[in-house]
Amino acid sequence: MKLDVYQSCTRSEKRDVLNTFWHTNVQSPARIQQAAFQYGPYAVICLVAVALELGFVIVVSIHRALVVGWIAVLLEALTLWSLWWAVVRWRAISGASN
């Protein structure tokens, strides 16, 4: 997994990459599309790591601090939804780049 196009982007272009990756129906140049495609796997990996960490917090907290456990459950739901959306967008972008 390379990030050469993404890393060579300016700060403004990286905002465009994020906009292209996370939103539908965004028209962007091929360079931004390629950078968004490169960004996708890293977004998915990071969200998986956060979901696993929150899962651990849920398991530990449910028995010790119920309030913290329920907050972690809500955050886990948001993280899983974000993970699902990241996978959907990554597939859409990879399909558009082929």
PDB file of N, CA and C in Angstrom:
ATOM      1  N   MET A   1       0.840  -1.178   0.000  1.00  0.00           N
ATOM      2  CA  MET A   1       0.000   0.000   0.000  1.00  0.00           C
ATOM      3  C   MET A   1       0.887   1.244   0.000  1.00  0.00           C
ATOM      4  N   LYS A   2       0.802   1.979  -1.066  1.00  0.00           N
ATOM      5  CA  LYS A   2       1.591   3.191  -1.192  1.00  0.00           C
ATOM      6  C   LYS A   2       0.745   4.403  -0.809  1.00  0.00           C
ATOM      7  N   LEU A   3       1.432   5.412  -0.376  1.00  0.00           N
ATOM      8  CA  LEU A   3       0.793   6.699  -0.096  1.00  0.00           C
ATOM      9  C   LEU A   3       1.519   7.829  -0.823  1.00  0.00           C
ATOM     10  N   ASP A   4       2.218   7.521  -1.898  1.00  0.00           N
ATOM     11  CA  ASP A   4       3.042   8.532  -2.546  1.00  0.00           C
ATOM     12  C   ASP A   4       2.235   9.718  -3.078  1.00  0.00           C
ATOM     13  N   VAL A   5       1.100   9.463  -3.697  1.00  0.00           N
ATOM     14  CA  VAL A   5       0.281  10.561  -4.219  1.00  0.00           C
ATOM     15  C   VAL A   5      -0.311  11.356  -3.059  1.00  0.00           C
ATOM     16  N   TYR A   6      -0.824  10.660  -2.060  1.00  0.00           N
ATOM     17  CA  TYR A   6      -1.416  11.339  -0.906  1.00  0.00           C
ATOM     18  C   TYR A   6      -0.377  12.193  -0.188  1.00  0.00           C
ATOM     19  N   GLN A   7       0.814  11.662   0.025  1.00  0.00           N
ATOM     20  CA  GLN A   7       1.856  12.393   0.742  1.00  0.00           C
ATOM     21  C   GLN A   7       2.355  13.601  -0.037  1.00  0.00           C
ATOM     22  N   SER A   8       2.279  13.556  -1.344  1.00  0.00           N
ATOM     23  CA  SER A   8       2.746  14.687  -2.143  1.00  0.00           C
ATOM     24  C   SER A   8       1.699  15.796  -2.258  1.00  0.00           C
ATOM     25  N   CYS A   9       0.507  15.560  -1.726  1.00  0.00           N
ATOM     26  CA  CYS A   9      -0.553  16.566  -1.792  1.00  0.00           C
ATOM     27  C   CYS A   9      -0.276  17.709  -0.820  1.00  0.00           C
ATOM     28  N   THR A  10      -0.733  18.887  -1.199  1.00  0.00           N
ATOM     29  CA  THR A  10      -0.659  20.034  -0.301  1.00  0.00           C
ATOM     30  C   THR A  10      -1.754  19.904   0.753  1.00  0.00           C
ATOM     31  N   ARG A  11      -1.717  20.790   1.727  1.00  0.00           N
ATOM     32  CA  ARG A  11      -2.725  20.765   2.790  1.00  0.00           C
ATOM     33  C   ARG A  11      -4.135  20.950   2.216  1.00  0.00           C
ATOM     34  N   SER A  12      -4.264  21.845   1.275  1.00  0.00           N
ATOM     35  CA  SER A  12      -5.555  22.092   0.630  1.00  0.00           C
ATOM     36  C   SER A  12      -6.021  20.866  -0.154  1.00  0.00           C
ATOM     37  N   GLU A  13      -5.096  20.231  -0.852  1.00  0.00           N
ATOM     38  CA  GLU A  13      -5.448  19.029  -1.605  1.00  0.00           C
ATOM     39  C   GLU A  13      -5.838  17.889  -0.674  1.00  0.00           C
ATOM     40  N   LYS A  14      -5.193  17.797   0.485  1.00  0.00           N
ATOM     41  CA  LYS A  14      -5.557  16.741   1.437  1.00  0.00           C
ATOM     42  C   LYS A  14      -6.983  16.935   1.951  1.00  0.00           C
ATOM     43  N   ARG A  15      -7.409  18.181   2.099  1.00  0.00           N
ATOM     44  CA  ARG A  15      -8.815  18.432   2.455  1.00  0.00           C
ATOM     45  C   ARG A  15      -9.731  17.945   1.346  1.00  0.00           C
ATOM     46  N   ASP A  16      -9.321  18.186   0.104  1.00  0.00           N
ATOM     47  CA  ASP A  16     -10.099  17.695  -1.031  1.00  0.00           C
ATOM     48  C   ASP A  16     -10.130  16.165  -1.067  1.00  0.00           C
ATOM     49  N   VAL A  17      -9.009  15.548  -0.704  1.00  0.00           N
ATOM     50  CA  VAL A  17      -8.947  14.083  -0.649  1.00  0.00           C
ATOM     51  C   VAL A  17      -9.953  13.563   0.381  1.00  0.00           C
ATOM     52  N   LEU A  18      -9.954  14.156   1.564  1.00  0.00           N
ATOM     53  CA  LEU A  18     -10.897  13.725   2.598  1.00  0.00           C
ATOM     54  C   LEU A  18     -12.338  13.942   2.151  1.00  0.00           C
ATOM     55  N   ASN A  19     -12.593  15.068   1.513  1.00  0.00           N
ATOM     56  CA  ASN A  19     -13.941  15.358   1.014  1.00  0.00           C
ATOM     57  C   ASN A  19     -14.342  14.324  -0.042  1.00  0.00           C
ATOM     58  N   THR A  20     -13.411  14.002  -0.930  1.00  0.00           N
ATOM     59  CA  THR A  20     -13.684  13.008  -1.968  1.00  0.00           C
ATOM     60  C   THR A  20     -13.903  11.628  -1.365  1.00  0.00           C
ATOM     61  N   PHE A  21     -13.109  11.283  -0.363  1.00  0.00           N
ATOM     62  CA  PHE A  21     -13.227   9.951   0.223  1.00  0.00           C
ATOM     63  C   PHE A  21     -14.522   9.786   1.015  1.00  0.00           C
ATOM     64  N   TRP A  22     -14.866  10.728   1.855  1.00  0.00           N
ATOM     65  CA  TRP A  22     -15.969  10.554   2.787  1.00  0.00           C
ATOM     66  C   TRP A  22     -17.335  10.954   2.240  1.00  0.00           C
ATOM     67  N   HIS A  23     -17.394  11.701   1.138  1.00  0.00           N
ATOM     68  CA  HIS A  23     -18.673  12.162   0.603  1.00  0.00           C
ATOM     69  C   HIS A  23     -18.933  11.575  -0.781  1.00  0.00           C
ATOM     70  N   THR A  24     -20.193  11.416  -1.104  1.00  0.00           N
ATOM     71  CA  THR A  24     -20.573  10.920  -2.422  1.00  0.00           C
ATOM     72  C   THR A  24     -20.772  12.095  -3.372  1.00  0.00           C
ATOM     73  N   ASN A  25     -20.776  11.799  -4.643  1.00  0.00           N
ATOM     74  CA  ASN A  25     -21.039  12.783  -5.700  1.00  0.00           C
ATOM     75  C   ASN A  25     -20.117  13.989  -5.646  1.00  0.00           C
ATOM     76  N   VAL A  26     -18.845  13.759  -5.400  1.00  0.00           N
ATOM     77  CA  VAL A  26     -17.856  14.833  -5.406  1.00  0.00           C
ATOM     78  C   VAL A  26     -17.032  14.694  -6.676  1.00  0.00           C
ATOM     79  N   GLN A  27     -17.002  15.759  -7.463  1.00  0.00           N
ATOM     80  CA  GLN A  27     -16.184  15.777  -8.671  1.00  0.00           C
ATOM     81  C   GLN A  27     -14.793  16.268  -8.303  1.00  0.00           C
ATOM     82  N   SER A  28     -13.793  15.479  -8.611  1.00  0.00           N
ATOM     83  CA  SER A  28     -12.424  15.862  -8.276  1.00  0.00           C
ATOM     84  C   SER A  28     -11.475  15.374  -9.364  1.00  0.00           C
ATOM     85  N   PRO A  29     -10.316  16.013  -9.457  1.00  0.00           N
ATOM     86  CA  PRO A  29      -9.324  15.590 -10.464  1.00  0.00           C
ATOM     87  C   PRO A  29      -8.813  14.177 -10.196  1.00  0.00           C
ATOM     88  N   ALA A  30      -8.181  13.604 -11.203  1.00  0.00           N
ATOM     89  CA  ALA A  30      -7.676  12.227 -11.104  1.00  0.00           C
ATOM     90  C   ALA A  30      -6.645  12.094  -9.986  1.00  0.00           C
ATOM     91  N   ARG A  31      -5.828  13.119  -9.788  1.00  0.00           N
ATOM     92  CA  ARG A  31      -4.813  13.076  -8.724  1.00  0.00           C
ATOM     93  C   ARG A  31      -5.463  12.959  -7.351  1.00  0.00           C
ATOM     94  N   ILE A  32      -6.523  13.706  -7.121  1.00  0.00           N
ATOM     95  CA  ILE A  32      -7.238  13.654  -5.836  1.00  0.00           C
ATOM     96  C   ILE A  32      -7.933  12.310  -5.683  1.00  0.00           C
ATOM     97  N   GLN A  33      -8.494  11.794  -6.769  1.00  0.00           N
ATOM     98  CA  GLN A  33      -9.120  10.463  -6.735  1.00  0.00           C
ATOM     99  C   GLN A  33      -8.093   9.388  -6.377  1.00  0.00           C
ATOM    100  N   GLN A  34      -6.914   9.472  -6.980  1.00  0.00           N
ATOM    101  CA  GLN A  34      -5.855   8.495  -6.692  1.00  0.00           C
ATOM    102  C   GLN A  34      -5.409   8.597  -5.237  1.00  0.00           C
ATOM    103  N   ALA A  35      -5.268   9.805  -4.735  1.00  0.00           N
ATOM    104  CA  ALA A  35      -4.875   9.994  -3.337  1.00  0.00           C
ATOM    105  C   ALA A  35      -5.959   9.456  -2.398  1.00  0.00           C
ATOM    106  N   ALA A  36      -7.220   9.670  -2.744  1.00  0.00           N
ATOM    107  CA  ALA A  36      -8.323   9.142  -1.924  1.00  0.00           C
ATOM    108  C   ALA A  36      -8.310   7.617  -1.934  1.00  0.00           C
ATOM    109  N   PHE A  37      -7.995   7.037  -3.076  1.00  0.00           N
ATOM    110  CA  PHE A  37      -7.887   5.580  -3.166  1.00  0.00           C
ATOM    111  C   PHE A  37      -6.754   5.061  -2.278  1.00  0.00           C
ATOM    112  N   GLN A  38      -5.640   5.784  -2.244  1.00  0.00           N
ATOM    113  CA  GLN A  38      -4.520   5.388  -1.386  1.00  0.00           C
ATOM    114  C   GLN A  38      -4.842   5.593   0.084  1.00  0.00           C
ATOM    115  N   TYR A  39      -5.626   6.593   0.401  1.00  0.00           N
ATOM    116  CA  TYR A  39      -6.002   6.899   1.785  1.00  0.00           C
ATOM    117  C   TYR A  39      -6.955   5.837   2.357  1.00  0.00           C
ATOM    118  N   GLY A  40      -7.766   5.237   1.510  1.00  0.00           N
ATOM    119  CA  GLY A  40      -8.809   4.308   1.938  1.00  0.00           C
ATOM    120  C   GLY A  40      -8.377   3.179   2.854  1.00  0.00           C
ATOM    121  N   PRO A  41      -7.359   2.395   2.498  1.00  0.00           N
ATOM    122  CA  PRO A  41      -6.966   1.287   3.368  1.00  0.00           C
ATOM    123  C   PRO A  41      -6.520   1.748   4.755  1.00  0.00           C
ATOM    124  N   TYR A  42      -5.848   2.880   4.807  1.00  0.00           N
ATOM    125  CA  TYR A  42      -5.398   3.389   6.099  1.00  0.00           C
ATOM    126  C   TYR A  42      -6.568   3.854   6.953  1.00  0.00           C
ATOM    127  N   ALA A  43      -7.569   4.431   6.334  1.00  0.00           N
ATOM    128  CA  ALA A  43      -8.769   4.826   7.074  1.00  0.00           C
ATOM    129  C   ALA A  43      -9.455   3.597   7.653  1.00  0.00           C
ATOM    130  N   VAL A  44      -9.568   2.553   6.851  1.00  0.00           N
ATOM    131  CA  VAL A  44     -10.212   1.313   7.304  1.00  0.00           C
ATOM    132  C   VAL A  44      -9.413   0.675   8.438  1.00  0.00           C
ATOM    133  N   ILE A  45      -8.104   0.597   8.282  1.00  0.00           N
ATOM    134  CA  ILE A  45      -7.251  -0.012   9.311  1.00  0.00           C
ATOM    135  C   ILE A  45      -7.354   0.759  10.629  1.00  0.00           C
ATOM    136  N   CYS A  46      -7.322   2.073  10.547  1.00  0.00           N
ATOM    137  CA  CYS A  46      -7.416   2.891  11.770  1.00  0.00           C
ATOM    138  C   CYS A  46      -8.769   2.705  12.458  1.00  0.00           C
ATOM    139  N   LEU A  47      -9.830   2.648  11.673  1.00  0.00           N
ATOM    140  CA  LEU A  47     -11.154   2.452  12.273  1.00  0.00           C
ATOM    141  C   LEU A  47     -11.292   1.058  12.884  1.00  0.00           C
ATOM    142  N   VAL A  48     -10.681   0.053  12.281  1.00  0.00           N
ATOM    143  CA  VAL A  48     -10.687  -1.292  12.868  1.00  0.00           C
ATOM    144  C   VAL A  48      -9.960  -1.266  14.209  1.00  0.00           C
ATOM    145  N   ALA A  49      -8.831  -0.575  14.270  1.00  0.00           N
ATOM    146  CA  ALA A  49      -8.073  -0.486  15.524  1.00  0.00           C
ATOM    147  C   ALA A  49      -8.899   0.209  16.606  1.00  0.00           C
ATOM    148  N   VAL A  50      -9.569   1.285  16.248  1.00  0.00           N
ATOM    149  CA  VAL A  50     -10.408   1.997  17.229  1.00  0.00           C
ATOM    150  C   VAL A  50     -11.558   1.100  17.685  1.00  0.00           C
ATOM    151  N   ALA A  51     -12.170   0.372  16.755  1.00  0.00           N
ATOM    152  CA  ALA A  51     -13.277  -0.519  17.113  1.00  0.00           C
ATOM    153  C   ALA A  51     -12.809  -1.620  18.072  1.00  0.00           C
ATOM    154  N   LEU A  52     -11.634  -2.184  17.817  1.00  0.00           N
ATOM    155  CA  LEU A  52     -11.101  -3.214  18.712  1.00  0.00           C
ATOM    156  C   LEU A  52     -10.797  -2.647  20.101  1.00  0.00           C
ATOM    157  N   GLU A  53     -10.226  -1.461  20.148  1.00  0.00           N
ATOM    158  CA  GLU A  53      -9.937  -0.837  21.436  1.00  0.00           C
ATOM    159  C   GLU A  53     -11.223  -0.554  22.209  1.00  0.00           C
ATOM    160  N   LEU A  54     -12.225  -0.044  21.519  1.00  0.00           N
ATOM    161  CA  LEU A  54     -13.498   0.220  22.193  1.00  0.00           C
ATOM    162  C   LEU A  54     -14.158  -1.077  22.655  1.00  0.00           C
ATOM    163  N   GLY A  55     -13.993  -2.141  21.886  1.00  0.00           N
ATOM    164  CA  GLY A  55     -14.519  -3.434  22.311  1.00  0.00           C
ATOM    165  C   GLY A  55     -13.898  -3.875  23.626  1.00  0.00           C
ATOM    166  N   PHE A  56     -12.606  -3.675  23.761  1.00  0.00           N
ATOM    167  CA  PHE A  56     -11.923  -3.993  25.014  1.00  0.00           C
ATOM    168  C   PHE A  56     -12.452  -3.122  26.154  1.00  0.00           C
ATOM    169  N   VAL A  57     -12.642  -1.835  25.891  1.00  0.00           N
ATOM    170  CA  VAL A  57     -13.181  -0.923  26.914  1.00  0.00           C
ATOM    171  C   VAL A  57     -14.580  -1.358  27.327  1.00  0.00           C
ATOM    172  N   ILE A  58     -15.375  -1.791  26.375  1.00  0.00           N
ATOM    173  CA  ILE A  58     -16.743  -2.246  26.687  1.00  0.00           C
ATOM    174  C   ILE A  58     -16.696  -3.458  27.600  1.00  0.00           C
ATOM    175  N   VAL A  59     -15.889  -4.436  27.245  1.00  0.00           N
ATOM    176  CA  VAL A  59     -15.811  -5.661  28.042  1.00  0.00           C
ATOM    177  C   VAL A  59     -15.371  -5.364  29.466  1.00  0.00           C
ATOM    178  N   VAL A  60     -14.362  -4.535  29.615  1.00  0.00           N
ATOM    179  CA  VAL A  60     -13.855  -4.215  30.943  1.00  0.00           C
ATOM    180  C   VAL A  60     -14.833  -3.331  31.709  1.00  0.00           C
ATOM    181  N   SER A  61     -15.430  -2.370  31.048  1.00  0.00           N
ATOM    182  CA  SER A  61     -16.240  -1.366  31.733  1.00  0.00           C
ATOM    183  C   SER A  61     -17.636  -1.845  32.116  1.00  0.00           C
ATOM    184  N   ILE A  62     -18.204  -2.737  31.349  1.00  0.00           N
ATOM    185  CA  ILE A  62     -19.571  -3.179  31.641  1.00  0.00           C
ATOM    186  C   ILE A  62     -19.664  -3.744  33.052  1.00  0.00           C
ATOM    187  N   HIS A  63     -18.633  -4.434  33.509  1.00  0.00           N
ATOM    188  CA  HIS A  63     -18.660  -5.036  34.838  1.00  0.00           C
ATOM    189  C   HIS A  63     -18.190  -4.093  35.938  1.00  0.00           C
ATOM    190  N   ARG A  64     -17.493  -3.025  35.569  1.00  0.00           N
ATOM    191  CA  ARG A  64     -16.918  -2.138  36.590  1.00  0.00           C
ATOM    192  C   ARG A  64     -17.560  -0.765  36.643  1.00  0.00           C
ATOM    193  N   ALA A  65     -17.772  -0.158  35.499  1.00  0.00           N
ATOM    194  CA  ALA A  65     -18.340   1.190  35.447  1.00  0.00           C
ATOM    195  C   ALA A  65     -19.379   1.216  34.333  1.00  0.00           C
ATOM    196  N   LEU A  66     -20.619   1.001  34.707  1.00  0.00           N
ATOM    197  CA  LEU A  66     -21.691   0.845  33.728  1.00  0.00           C
ATOM    198  C   LEU A  66     -21.841   2.076  32.827  1.00  0.00           C
ATOM    199  N   VAL A  67     -21.695   3.262  33.378  1.00  0.00           N
ATOM    200  CA  VAL A  67     -21.839   4.482  32.577  1.00  0.00           C
ATOM    201  C   VAL A  67     -20.759   4.538  31.495  1.00  0.00           C
ATOM    202  N   VAL A  68     -19.531   4.255  31.868  1.00  0.00           N
ATOM    203  CA  VAL A  68     -18.428   4.257  30.902  1.00  0.00           C
ATOM    204  C   VAL A  68     -18.675   3.180  29.847  1.00  0.00           C
ATOM    205  N   GLY A  69     -19.173   2.051  30.264  1.00  0.00           N
ATOM    206  CA  GLY A  69     -19.477   0.971  29.329  1.00  0.00           C
ATOM    207  C   GLY A  69     -20.512   1.375  28.304  1.00  0.00           C
ATOM    208  N   TRP A  70     -21.567   2.054  28.733  1.00  0.00           N
ATOM    209  CA  TRP A  70     -22.611   2.484  27.797  1.00  0.00           C
ATOM    210  C   TRP A  70     -22.117   3.589  26.875  1.00  0.00           C
ATOM    211  N   ILE A  71     -21.290   4.470  27.372  1.00  0.00           N
ATOM    212  CA  ILE A  71     -20.699   5.495  26.501  1.00  0.00           C
ATOM    213  C   ILE A  71     -19.822   4.817  25.446  1.00  0.00           C
ATOM    214  N   ALA A  72     -19.057   3.814  25.863  1.00  0.00           N
ATOM    215  CA  ALA A  72     -18.218   3.074  24.926  1.00  0.00           C
ATOM    216  C   ALA A  72     -19.069   2.324  23.895  1.00  0.00           C
ATOM    217  N   VAL A  73     -20.208   1.807  24.309  1.00  0.00           N
ATOM    218  CA  VAL A  73     -21.111   1.119  23.371  1.00  0.00           C
ATOM    219  C   VAL A  73     -21.609   2.102  22.311  1.00  0.00           C
ATOM    220  N   LEU A  74     -21.996   3.299  22.728  1.00  0.00           N
ATOM    221  CA  LEU A  74     -22.453   4.312  21.768  1.00  0.00           C
ATOM    222  C   LEU A  74     -21.327   4.714  20.813  1.00  0.00           C
ATOM    223  N   LEU A  75     -20.133   4.890  21.355  1.00  0.00           N
ATOM    224  CA  LEU A  75     -18.991   5.229  20.512  1.00  0.00           C
ATOM    225  C   LEU A  75     -18.629   4.073  19.569  1.00  0.00           C
ATOM    226  N   GLU A  76     -18.789   2.859  20.048  1.00  0.00           N
ATOM    227  CA  GLU A  76     -18.526   1.685  19.207  1.00  0.00           C
ATOM    228  C   GLU A  76     -19.507   1.648  18.037  1.00  0.00           C
ATOM    229  N   ALA A  77     -20.766   1.963  18.297  1.00  0.00           N
ATOM    230  CA  ALA A  77     -21.761   1.987  17.223  1.00  0.00           C
ATOM    231  C   ALA A  77     -21.383   3.036  16.170  1.00  0.00           C
ATOM    232  N   LEU A  78     -20.969   4.198  16.610  1.00  0.00           N
ATOM    233  CA  LEU A  78     -20.536   5.242  15.688  1.00  0.00           C
ATOM    234  C   LEU A  78     -19.291   4.816  14.908  1.00  0.00           C
ATOM    235  N   THR A  79     -18.368   4.164  15.577  1.00  0.00           N
ATOM    236  CA  THR A  79     -17.146   3.696  14.926  1.00  0.00           C
ATOM    237  C   THR A  79     -17.458   2.612  13.892  1.00  0.00           C
ATOM    238  N   LEU A  80     -18.341   1.694  14.228  1.00  0.00           N
ATOM    239  CA  LEU A  80     -18.701   0.640  13.277  1.00  0.00           C
ATOM    240  C   LEU A  80     -19.424   1.203  12.061  1.00  0.00           C
ATOM    241  N   TRP A  81     -20.279   2.202  12.291  1.00  0.00           N
ATOM    242  CA  TRP A  81     -20.941   2.857  11.171  1.00  0.00           C
ATOM    243  C   TRP A  81     -19.911   3.553  10.285  1.00  0.00           C
ATOM    244  N   SER A  82     -18.947   4.237  10.890  1.00  0.00           N
ATOM    245  CA  SER A  82     -17.883   4.906  10.141  1.00  0.00           C
ATOM    246  C   SER A  82     -17.033   3.898   9.373  1.00  0.00           C
ATOM    247  N   LEU A  83     -16.756   2.759   9.989  1.00  0.00           N
ATOM    248  CA  LEU A  83     -15.992   1.700   9.325  1.00  0.00           C
ATOM    249  C   LEU A  83     -16.747   1.183   8.110  1.00  0.00           C
ATOM    250  N   TRP A  84     -18.031   0.941   8.274  1.00  0.00           N
ATOM    251  CA  TRP A  84     -18.863   0.484   7.162  1.00  0.00           C
ATOM    252  C   TRP A  84     -18.820   1.507   6.028  1.00  0.00           C
ATOM    253  N   TRP A  85     -18.994   2.787   6.354  1.00  0.00           N
ATOM    254  CA  TRP A  85     -18.999   3.830   5.344  1.00  0.00           C
ATOM    255  C   TRP A  85     -17.628   3.941   4.661  1.00  0.00           C
ATOM    256  N   ALA A  86     -16.551   3.783   5.418  1.00  0.00           N
ATOM    257  CA  ALA A  86     -15.215   3.838   4.830  1.00  0.00           C
ATOM    258  C   ALA A  86     -15.024   2.708   3.823  1.00  0.00           C
ATOM    259  N   VAL A  87     -15.499   1.523   4.150  1.00  0.00           N
ATOM    260  CA  VAL A  87     -15.388   0.393   3.224  1.00  0.00           C
ATOM    261  C   VAL A  87     -16.231   0.645   1.978  1.00  0.00           C
ATOM    262  N   VAL A  88     -17.444   1.163   2.170  1.00  0.00           N
ATOM    263  CA  VAL A  88     -18.320   1.478   1.030  1.00  0.00           C
ATOM    264  C   VAL A  88     -17.662   2.505   0.117  1.00  0.00           C
ATOM    265  N   ARG A  89     -17.123   3.565   0.698  1.00  0.00           N
ATOM    266  CA  ARG A  89     -16.498   4.636  -0.111  1.00  0.00           C
ATOM    267  C   ARG A  89     -15.226   4.139  -0.786  1.00  0.00           C
ATOM    268  N   TRP A  90     -14.437   3.325  -0.083  1.00  0.00           N
ATOM    269  CA  TRP A  90     -13.207   2.808  -0.674  1.00  0.00           C
ATOM    270  C   TRP A  90     -13.537   1.937  -1.897  1.00  0.00           C
ATOM    271  N   ARG A  91     -14.560   1.100  -1.771  1.00  0.00           N
ATOM    272  CA  ARG A  91     -14.969   0.278  -2.898  1.00  0.00           C
ATOM    273  C   ARG A  91     -15.485   1.131  -4.042  1.00  0.00           C
ATOM    274  N   ALA A  92     -16.244   2.168  -3.723  1.00  0.00           N
ATOM    275  CA  ALA A  92     -16.764   3.048  -4.774  1.00  0.00           C
ATOM    276  C   ALA A  92     -15.624   3.755  -5.495  1.00  0.00           C
ATOM    277  N   ILE A  93     -14.651   4.244  -4.744  1.00  0.00           N
ATOM    278  CA  ILE A  93     -13.522   4.944  -5.350  1.00  0.00           C
ATOM    279  C   ILE A  93     -12.656   3.981  -6.151  1.00  0.00           C
ATOM    280  N   SER A  94     -12.459   2.771  -5.641  1.00  0.00           N
ATOM    281  CA  SER A  94     -11.638   1.804  -6.390  1.00  0.00           C
ATOM    282  C   SER A  94     -12.362   1.367  -7.654  1.00  0.00           C
ATOM    283  N   GLY A  95     -13.688   1.284  -7.610  1.00  0.00           N
ATOM    284  CA  GLY A  95     -14.452   0.952  -8.809  1.00  0.00           C
ATOM    285  C   GLY A  95     -14.397   2.059  -9.846  1.00  0.00           C
ATOM    286  N   ALA A  96     -14.367   3.303  -9.361  1.00  0.00           N
ATOM    287  CA  ALA A  96     -14.314   4.445 -10.284  1.00  0.00           C
ATOM    288  C   ALA A  96     -12.928   4.594 -10.897  1.00  0.00           C
ATOM    289  N   SER A  97     -11.898   4.149 -10.183  1.00  0.00           N
ATOM    290  CA  SER A  97     -10.542   4.300 -10.711  1.00  0.00           C
ATOM    291  C   SER A  97     -10.179   3.221 -11.713  1.00  0.00           C
ATOM    292  N   ASN A  98     -10.959   2.157 -11.786  1.00  0.00           N
ATOM    293  CA  ASN A  98     -10.678   1.073 -12.752  1.00  0.00           C
ATOM    294  C   ASN A  98     -11.239   1.353 -14.098  1.00  0.00           C
TER     295      ASN A  98
END
